Amino acid sequence: MHTALLRASAASDLLVLGARPHGSPGPRLGMVNGTVLQHAHCPVAVVPRR
C-alpha cells in the first residue's frame, strides 16, 4: 500500500491520509502512514477519522 501512495505523491501537490481518532486504543499512526510521512515527495496532511 505505501508503495502506491509514494508513487502517487510524486505527481501530487498534497497527499491526505486518515488516522485513528484521538482516544482510540493503540498508536494513531500505523506503519503505512509513518513510511509515507517520511518518504513522500509532496506535503502530507494526516486527518483523524471520525
N, C-alpha and C. Protein backbone atom coordinates (compact mmCIF):
# COMPACT_ATOMS: atom_id res chain seq x y z
N MET A 1 0.82 -1.19 0.00
CA MET A 1 0.00 0.00 0.00
C MET A 1 0.86 1.25 0.00
N HIS A 2 1.89 1.31 0.84
CA HIS A 2 2.69 2.53 0.90
C HIS A 2 3.42 2.79 -0.40
N THR A 3 3.75 1.75 -1.17
CA THR A 3 4.44 1.96 -2.44
C THR A 3 3.56 2.74 -3.41
N ALA A 4 2.29 2.40 -3.48
CA ALA A 4 1.35 3.11 -4.36
C ALA A 4 1.17 4.55 -3.91
N LEU A 5 1.11 4.78 -2.61
CA LEU A 5 0.96 6.14 -2.10
C LEU A 5 2.20 6.98 -2.39
N LEU A 6 3.37 6.38 -2.24
CA LEU A 6 4.61 7.12 -2.54
C LEU A 6 4.70 7.45 -4.02
N ARG A 7 4.29 6.53 -4.87
CA ARG A 7 4.29 6.81 -6.31
C ARG A 7 3.32 7.95 -6.62
N ALA A 8 2.14 7.90 -6.01
CA ALA A 8 1.15 8.95 -6.24
C ALA A 8 1.64 10.30 -5.73
N SER A 9 2.41 10.29 -4.66
CA SER A 9 2.90 11.55 -4.10
C SER A 9 3.86 12.27 -5.04
N ALA A 10 4.51 11.54 -5.92
CA ALA A 10 5.45 12.16 -6.85
C ALA A 10 4.75 13.08 -7.84
N ALA A 11 3.48 12.83 -8.12
CA ALA A 11 2.73 13.65 -9.08
C ALA A 11 1.62 14.45 -8.40
N SER A 12 1.71 14.62 -7.08
CA SER A 12 0.65 15.29 -6.34
C SER A 12 1.15 16.57 -5.67
N ASP A 13 0.22 17.47 -5.40
CA ASP A 13 0.53 18.68 -4.65
C ASP A 13 0.33 18.47 -3.16
N LEU A 14 -0.56 17.54 -2.79
CA LEU A 14 -0.86 17.25 -1.39
C LEU A 14 -1.41 15.83 -1.30
N LEU A 15 -0.96 15.09 -0.31
CA LEU A 15 -1.46 13.74 -0.05
C LEU A 15 -2.18 13.79 1.29
N VAL A 16 -3.42 13.30 1.34
CA VAL A 16 -4.21 13.31 2.57
C VAL A 16 -4.38 11.88 3.05
N LEU A 17 -3.99 11.64 4.30
CA LEU A 17 -4.09 10.31 4.91
C LEU A 17 -5.01 10.37 6.12
N GLY A 18 -5.66 9.26 6.41
CA GLY A 18 -6.50 9.17 7.60
C GLY A 18 -5.71 8.61 8.77
N ALA A 19 -6.15 8.93 9.98
CA ALA A 19 -5.53 8.41 11.20
C ALA A 19 -6.64 8.00 12.16
N ARG A 20 -6.32 7.15 13.09
CA ARG A 20 -7.30 6.77 14.10
C ARG A 20 -7.70 8.00 14.91
N PRO A 21 -8.96 8.06 15.36
CA PRO A 21 -9.39 9.21 16.14
C PRO A 21 -8.68 9.29 17.49
N HIS A 22 -8.58 10.49 18.02
CA HIS A 22 -7.97 10.71 19.33
C HIS A 22 -8.73 9.92 20.38
N GLY A 23 -8.02 9.24 21.25
CA GLY A 23 -8.65 8.47 22.31
C GLY A 23 -8.86 7.00 21.96
N SER A 24 -8.57 6.61 20.71
CA SER A 24 -8.72 5.19 20.34
C SER A 24 -7.50 4.43 20.85
N PRO A 25 -7.68 3.15 21.13
CA PRO A 25 -6.55 2.36 21.62
C PRO A 25 -5.48 2.17 20.56
N GLY A 26 -4.25 2.07 20.99
CA GLY A 26 -3.14 1.83 20.07
C GLY A 26 -2.61 3.12 19.48
N PRO A 27 -1.56 3.00 18.68
CA PRO A 27 -0.95 4.19 18.08
C PRO A 27 -1.89 4.83 17.06
N ARG A 28 -1.83 6.13 16.94
CA ARG A 28 -2.70 6.83 16.00
C ARG A 28 -2.20 6.67 14.57
N LEU A 29 -0.89 6.57 14.38
CA LEU A 29 -0.33 6.39 13.05
C LEU A 29 0.23 4.99 12.91
N GLY A 30 -0.14 4.31 11.85
CA GLY A 30 0.38 2.98 11.61
C GLY A 30 1.64 3.00 10.76
N MET A 31 2.08 1.83 10.38
CA MET A 31 3.31 1.69 9.61
C MET A 31 3.22 2.40 8.25
N VAL A 32 2.09 2.28 7.58
CA VAL A 32 1.94 2.90 6.26
C VAL A 32 2.04 4.42 6.38
N ASN A 33 1.29 5.01 7.32
CA ASN A 33 1.33 6.46 7.49
C ASN A 33 2.74 6.93 7.84
N GLY A 34 3.41 6.22 8.73
CA GLY A 34 4.76 6.61 9.12
C GLY A 34 5.73 6.59 7.96
N THR A 35 5.64 5.56 7.14
CA THR A 35 6.52 5.45 5.97
C THR A 35 6.23 6.56 4.97
N VAL A 36 4.96 6.80 4.70
CA VAL A 36 4.59 7.84 3.74
C VAL A 36 5.03 9.22 4.24
N LEU A 37 4.83 9.49 5.53
CA LEU A 37 5.25 10.78 6.08
C LEU A 37 6.75 11.01 5.91
N GLN A 38 7.53 9.97 6.03
CA GLN A 38 8.99 10.11 5.93
C GLN A 38 9.48 10.22 4.49
N HIS A 39 8.77 9.59 3.54
CA HIS A 39 9.33 9.46 2.19
C HIS A 39 8.50 10.09 1.07
N ALA A 40 7.41 10.76 1.39
CA ALA A 40 6.56 11.35 0.35
C ALA A 40 7.29 12.45 -0.39
N HIS A 41 6.90 12.65 -1.64
CA HIS A 41 7.51 13.67 -2.49
C HIS A 41 6.70 14.96 -2.49
N CYS A 42 5.69 15.04 -1.65
CA CYS A 42 4.86 16.23 -1.55
C CYS A 42 4.43 16.38 -0.09
N PRO A 43 3.82 17.50 0.28
CA PRO A 43 3.31 17.64 1.64
C PRO A 43 2.23 16.59 1.93
N VAL A 44 2.15 16.20 3.20
CA VAL A 44 1.19 15.18 3.63
C VAL A 44 0.36 15.76 4.78
N ALA A 45 -0.96 15.63 4.67
CA ALA A 45 -1.87 16.02 5.74
C ALA A 45 -2.45 14.74 6.34
N VAL A 46 -2.38 14.63 7.67
CA VAL A 46 -2.95 13.47 8.35
C VAL A 46 -4.19 13.95 9.10
N VAL A 47 -5.35 13.38 8.74
CA VAL A 47 -6.63 13.81 9.28
C VAL A 47 -7.23 12.67 10.09
N PRO A 48 -7.59 12.93 11.36
CA PRO A 48 -8.20 11.85 12.16
C PRO A 48 -9.58 11.47 11.63
N ARG A 49 -9.87 10.19 11.64
CA ARG A 49 -11.20 9.72 11.24
C ARG A 49 -12.18 10.03 12.35
N ARG A 50 -13.44 10.17 11.99
CA ARG A 50 -14.48 10.45 13.00
C ARG A 50 -15.06 9.18 13.52
